[in-house]
Amino acid sequence: MAADYDELRSDVKESQNESLEALKSASAPDPRSVVRELDGDDSGEDTGLPGGEFVNDELTVHVIPQGADEFVCQSCFLVRHRSQKATEIDGVAYCSDCEG
């Protein structure tokens, strides 16, 4: 007797039918109530959750001037060491990554 191995086993088929019936009979929430709940969260009140804070601090950045052994690639605009200079045409330097 030949067996069809692609066919679902009877116990699996029954459990699928039962879960499908359970999904069909489950009561879904009203879409308008979900929208009202989502809109209610936009009240602007502080909920104490992180990420919603405004910080009024100044950003302090220390700028280091370009060194004598560095150049600015005119393609990627990164400051590179002179060992990474590939070409220089009319005073415009390009790094080995951008010349590629």
N, C-alpha and C. Protein backbone atom coordinates (compact mmCIF):
# COMPACT_ATOMS: atom_id res chain seq x y z
N MET A 1 0.84 -1.17 0.00
CA MET A 1 0.00 0.00 0.00
C MET A 1 0.89 1.24 0.00
N ALA A 2 0.60 2.16 -0.89
CA ALA A 2 1.38 3.39 -1.01
C ALA A 2 0.87 4.42 0.00
N ALA A 3 1.81 5.13 0.59
CA ALA A 3 1.44 6.16 1.57
C ALA A 3 1.70 7.54 0.98
N ASP A 4 0.77 8.44 1.19
CA ASP A 4 0.93 9.82 0.72
C ASP A 4 1.52 10.63 1.87
N TYR A 5 2.81 10.91 1.78
CA TYR A 5 3.49 11.61 2.87
C TYR A 5 3.23 13.11 2.86
N ASP A 6 2.67 13.65 1.79
CA ASP A 6 2.35 15.07 1.73
C ASP A 6 1.02 15.40 2.41
N GLU A 7 0.17 14.41 2.62
CA GLU A 7 -1.13 14.64 3.23
C GLU A 7 -0.96 14.86 4.74
N LEU A 8 -1.75 15.80 5.29
CA LEU A 8 -1.69 16.09 6.72
C LEU A 8 -2.21 14.91 7.53
N ARG A 9 -1.62 14.69 8.68
CA ARG A 9 -2.12 13.66 9.58
C ARG A 9 -3.47 14.10 10.11
N SER A 10 -4.29 13.16 10.49
CA SER A 10 -5.66 13.48 10.91
C SER A 10 -5.68 14.31 12.19
N ASP A 11 -4.76 14.06 13.14
CA ASP A 11 -4.76 14.84 14.37
C ASP A 11 -4.33 16.29 14.12
N VAL A 12 -3.44 16.50 13.18
CA VAL A 12 -3.02 17.85 12.83
C VAL A 12 -4.15 18.57 12.12
N LYS A 13 -4.84 17.87 11.23
CA LYS A 13 -5.95 18.48 10.49
C LYS A 13 -7.05 18.90 11.45
N GLU A 14 -7.36 18.08 12.46
CA GLU A 14 -8.39 18.41 13.44
C GLU A 14 -8.00 19.63 14.27
N SER A 15 -6.75 19.70 14.69
CA SER A 15 -6.32 20.84 15.51
C SER A 15 -6.33 22.12 14.69
N GLN A 16 -6.03 22.05 13.39
CA GLN A 16 -6.09 23.23 12.54
C GLN A 16 -7.53 23.71 12.40
N ASN A 17 -8.46 22.78 12.24
CA ASN A 17 -9.86 23.15 12.12
C ASN A 17 -10.37 23.77 13.41
N GLU A 18 -9.96 23.22 14.55
CA GLU A 18 -10.38 23.76 15.84
C GLU A 18 -9.83 25.17 16.04
N SER A 19 -8.56 25.40 15.69
CA SER A 19 -7.99 26.73 15.89
C SER A 19 -8.62 27.73 14.93
N LEU A 20 -8.98 27.28 13.72
CA LEU A 20 -9.65 28.16 12.77
C LEU A 20 -11.02 28.56 13.30
N GLU A 21 -11.75 27.60 13.87
CA GLU A 21 -13.06 27.91 14.45
C GLU A 21 -12.91 28.87 15.62
N ALA A 22 -11.88 28.69 16.42
CA ALA A 22 -11.67 29.59 17.55
C ALA A 22 -11.38 31.01 17.07
N LEU A 23 -10.62 31.15 16.00
CA LEU A 23 -10.34 32.47 15.46
C LEU A 23 -11.59 33.13 14.89
N LYS A 24 -12.41 32.33 14.24
CA LYS A 24 -13.64 32.88 13.67
C LYS A 24 -14.60 33.34 14.76
N SER A 25 -14.64 32.61 15.87
CA SER A 25 -15.59 32.96 16.93
C SER A 25 -15.05 34.03 17.87
N ALA A 26 -13.78 34.33 17.80
CA ALA A 26 -13.19 35.34 18.70
C ALA A 26 -13.74 36.71 18.33
N SER A 27 -13.98 37.51 19.34
CA SER A 27 -14.53 38.84 19.09
C SER A 27 -13.38 39.83 18.92
N ALA A 28 -13.34 40.46 17.78
CA ALA A 28 -12.31 41.44 17.48
C ALA A 28 -12.74 42.80 18.02
N PRO A 29 -11.79 43.63 18.45
CA PRO A 29 -12.15 44.96 18.96
C PRO A 29 -12.66 45.84 17.83
N ASP A 30 -13.48 46.80 18.20
CA ASP A 30 -14.01 47.75 17.25
C ASP A 30 -12.87 48.66 16.77
N PRO A 31 -12.68 48.82 15.47
CA PRO A 31 -11.56 49.65 14.98
C PRO A 31 -11.62 51.08 15.48
N ARG A 32 -12.83 51.63 15.66
CA ARG A 32 -12.93 53.01 16.14
C ARG A 32 -12.46 53.13 17.57
N SER A 33 -12.67 52.12 18.40
CA SER A 33 -12.21 52.19 19.77
C SER A 33 -10.69 52.15 19.85
N VAL A 34 -10.08 51.40 18.94
CA VAL A 34 -8.62 51.34 18.91
C VAL A 34 -8.06 52.69 18.51
N VAL A 35 -8.67 53.35 17.53
CA VAL A 35 -8.21 54.67 17.10
C VAL A 35 -8.37 55.67 18.23
N ARG A 36 -9.47 55.60 18.97
CA ARG A 36 -9.68 56.52 20.09
C ARG A 36 -8.62 56.31 21.17
N GLU A 37 -8.26 55.06 21.43
CA GLU A 37 -7.24 54.78 22.42
C GLU A 37 -5.89 55.32 21.99
N LEU A 38 -5.56 55.15 20.72
CA LEU A 38 -4.28 55.66 20.22
C LEU A 38 -4.25 57.18 20.23
N ASP A 39 -5.35 57.82 19.86
CA ASP A 39 -5.40 59.27 19.87
C ASP A 39 -5.36 59.82 21.29
N GLY A 40 -5.86 59.08 22.24
CA GLY A 40 -5.85 59.54 23.62
C GLY A 40 -4.46 59.60 24.22
N ASP A 41 -3.51 58.83 23.66
CA ASP A 41 -2.15 58.84 24.17
C ASP A 41 -1.36 60.06 23.72
N ASP A 42 -1.87 60.83 22.78
CA ASP A 42 -1.17 62.00 22.26
C ASP A 42 -1.54 63.27 23.01
N SER A 43 -1.80 63.17 24.27
CA SER A 43 -2.24 64.34 25.04
C SER A 43 -1.12 65.30 25.35
N GLY A 44 0.13 64.90 25.17
CA GLY A 44 1.26 65.78 25.44
C GLY A 44 1.70 65.74 26.88
N GLU A 45 1.07 64.92 27.69
CA GLU A 45 1.46 64.83 29.09
C GLU A 45 2.69 63.97 29.23
N ASP A 46 3.50 64.26 30.26
CA ASP A 46 4.70 63.47 30.50
C ASP A 46 4.29 62.14 31.11
N THR A 47 4.59 61.06 30.39
CA THR A 47 4.22 59.74 30.87
C THR A 47 5.35 59.09 31.65
N GLY A 48 6.51 59.75 31.73
CA GLY A 48 7.63 59.19 32.45
C GLY A 48 8.45 58.20 31.65
N LEU A 49 8.10 58.05 30.37
CA LEU A 49 8.84 57.13 29.53
C LEU A 49 10.10 57.80 28.99
N PRO A 50 11.19 57.06 28.85
CA PRO A 50 12.41 57.67 28.33
C PRO A 50 12.28 57.98 26.85
N GLY A 51 13.07 58.95 26.39
CA GLY A 51 13.08 59.30 24.99
C GLY A 51 12.19 60.47 24.64
N GLY A 52 11.35 60.90 25.53
CA GLY A 52 10.47 62.01 25.26
C GLY A 52 10.89 63.29 25.95
N GLU A 53 12.12 63.33 26.41
CA GLU A 53 12.58 64.48 27.17
C GLU A 53 13.29 65.46 26.25
N PHE A 54 13.12 66.76 26.53
CA PHE A 54 13.86 67.79 25.82
C PHE A 54 14.93 68.31 26.77
N VAL A 55 16.15 68.25 26.30
CA VAL A 55 17.27 68.69 27.12
C VAL A 55 17.79 70.00 26.54
N ASN A 56 17.92 71.00 27.38
CA ASN A 56 18.35 72.32 26.93
C ASN A 56 19.81 72.54 27.33
N ASP A 57 20.69 71.65 26.87
CA ASP A 57 22.11 71.77 27.14
C ASP A 57 22.84 72.09 25.85
N GLU A 58 23.95 72.81 25.98
CA GLU A 58 24.75 73.11 24.81
C GLU A 58 25.70 71.97 24.53
N LEU A 59 25.94 71.71 23.27
CA LEU A 59 26.87 70.69 22.85
C LEU A 59 28.24 71.33 22.69
N THR A 60 29.20 70.80 23.39
CA THR A 60 30.55 71.34 23.33
C THR A 60 31.41 70.41 22.51
N VAL A 61 32.02 70.96 21.44
CA VAL A 61 32.85 70.18 20.54
C VAL A 61 34.22 70.83 20.48
N HIS A 62 35.25 70.03 20.67
CA HIS A 62 36.61 70.53 20.57
C HIS A 62 37.10 70.25 19.15
N VAL A 63 37.40 71.32 18.41
CA VAL A 63 37.84 71.20 17.03
C VAL A 63 39.36 71.17 17.01
N ILE A 64 39.89 70.14 16.37
CA ILE A 64 41.33 70.00 16.24
C ILE A 64 41.70 70.40 14.82
N PRO A 65 42.61 71.35 14.63
CA PRO A 65 42.94 71.79 13.27
C PRO A 65 43.63 70.67 12.48
N GLN A 66 43.53 70.78 11.16
CA GLN A 66 44.12 69.80 10.27
C GLN A 66 45.63 69.81 10.43
N GLY A 67 46.21 68.63 10.54
CA GLY A 67 47.65 68.51 10.72
C GLY A 67 48.40 68.68 9.41
N ALA A 68 49.71 68.87 9.52
CA ALA A 68 50.55 69.05 8.34
C ALA A 68 50.62 67.78 7.50
N ASP A 69 50.41 66.64 8.13
CA ASP A 69 50.48 65.37 7.40
C ASP A 69 49.10 64.84 7.03
N GLU A 70 48.09 65.71 6.98
CA GLU A 70 46.73 65.32 6.65
C GLU A 70 46.22 66.11 5.45
N PHE A 71 45.19 65.58 4.80
CA PHE A 71 44.53 66.27 3.69
C PHE A 71 43.05 65.95 3.75
N VAL A 72 42.26 66.76 3.05
CA VAL A 72 40.81 66.53 2.96
C VAL A 72 40.51 65.99 1.58
N CYS A 73 39.92 64.81 1.53
CA CYS A 73 39.52 64.21 0.26
C CYS A 73 38.35 65.02 -0.29
N GLN A 74 38.43 65.41 -1.54
CA GLN A 74 37.38 66.24 -2.14
C GLN A 74 36.21 65.42 -2.68
N SER A 75 36.24 64.11 -2.46
CA SER A 75 35.11 63.28 -2.84
C SER A 75 34.27 62.91 -1.62
N CYS A 76 34.92 62.39 -0.57
CA CYS A 76 34.18 61.98 0.64
C CYS A 76 34.27 63.02 1.75
N PHE A 77 35.13 64.04 1.58
CA PHE A 77 35.30 65.15 2.51
C PHE A 77 35.73 64.70 3.90
N LEU A 78 36.48 63.61 3.97
CA LEU A 78 37.05 63.16 5.22
C LEU A 78 38.50 63.60 5.31
N VAL A 79 38.93 63.88 6.52
CA VAL A 79 40.34 64.20 6.75
C VAL A 79 41.10 62.89 6.81
N ARG A 80 42.10 62.75 5.94
CA ARG A 80 42.86 61.51 5.83
C ARG A 80 44.34 61.79 6.06
N HIS A 81 45.07 60.75 6.40
CA HIS A 81 46.52 60.85 6.53
C HIS A 81 47.12 60.88 5.13
N ARG A 82 48.26 61.53 4.99
CA ARG A 82 48.85 61.68 3.65
C ARG A 82 49.21 60.35 3.00
N SER A 83 49.35 59.30 3.80
CA SER A 83 49.65 57.99 3.22
C SER A 83 48.45 57.43 2.46
N GLN A 84 47.26 57.99 2.67
CA GLN A 84 46.07 57.52 1.97
C GLN A 84 45.75 58.35 0.74
N LYS A 85 46.61 59.31 0.41
CA LYS A 85 46.38 60.15 -0.77
C LYS A 85 46.70 59.33 -2.02
N ALA A 86 45.75 59.23 -2.93
CA ALA A 86 45.94 58.45 -4.15
C ALA A 86 46.36 59.36 -5.29
N THR A 87 45.60 60.41 -5.53
CA THR A 87 45.93 61.35 -6.61
C THR A 87 45.68 62.77 -6.16
N GLU A 88 46.35 63.69 -6.85
CA GLU A 88 46.11 65.11 -6.62
C GLU A 88 46.15 65.79 -7.97
N ILE A 89 45.01 66.35 -8.35
CA ILE A 89 44.88 66.99 -9.66
C ILE A 89 44.52 68.45 -9.44
N ASP A 90 45.37 69.35 -9.90
CA ASP A 90 45.17 70.80 -9.77
C ASP A 90 44.91 71.21 -8.33
N GLY A 91 45.65 70.64 -7.39
CA GLY A 91 45.52 71.00 -5.98
C GLY A 91 44.35 70.33 -5.28
N VAL A 92 43.62 69.47 -5.97
CA VAL A 92 42.48 68.76 -5.39
C VAL A 92 42.92 67.32 -5.14
N ALA A 93 42.86 66.90 -3.87
CA ALA A 93 43.35 65.58 -3.49
C ALA A 93 42.19 64.60 -3.30
N TYR A 94 42.46 63.34 -3.67
CA TYR A 94 41.50 62.27 -3.51
C TYR A 94 42.16 61.11 -2.77
N CYS A 95 41.39 60.46 -1.88
CA CYS A 95 41.94 59.35 -1.11
C CYS A 95 41.88 58.07 -1.94
N SER A 96 42.57 57.06 -1.47
CA SER A 96 42.63 55.78 -2.19
C SER A 96 41.27 55.08 -2.23
N ASP A 97 40.41 55.33 -1.24
CA ASP A 97 39.07 54.72 -1.25
C ASP A 97 38.20 55.32 -2.35
N CYS A 98 38.28 56.63 -2.55
CA CYS A 98 37.42 57.29 -3.52
C CYS A 98 37.95 57.18 -4.95
N GLU A 99 39.24 57.06 -5.10
CA GLU A 99 39.80 56.97 -6.44
C GLU A 99 39.43 55.65 -7.10
N GLY A 100 39.38 54.59 -6.28
CA GLY A 100 39.12 53.23 -6.60
C GLY A 100 38.60 52.90 -7.90
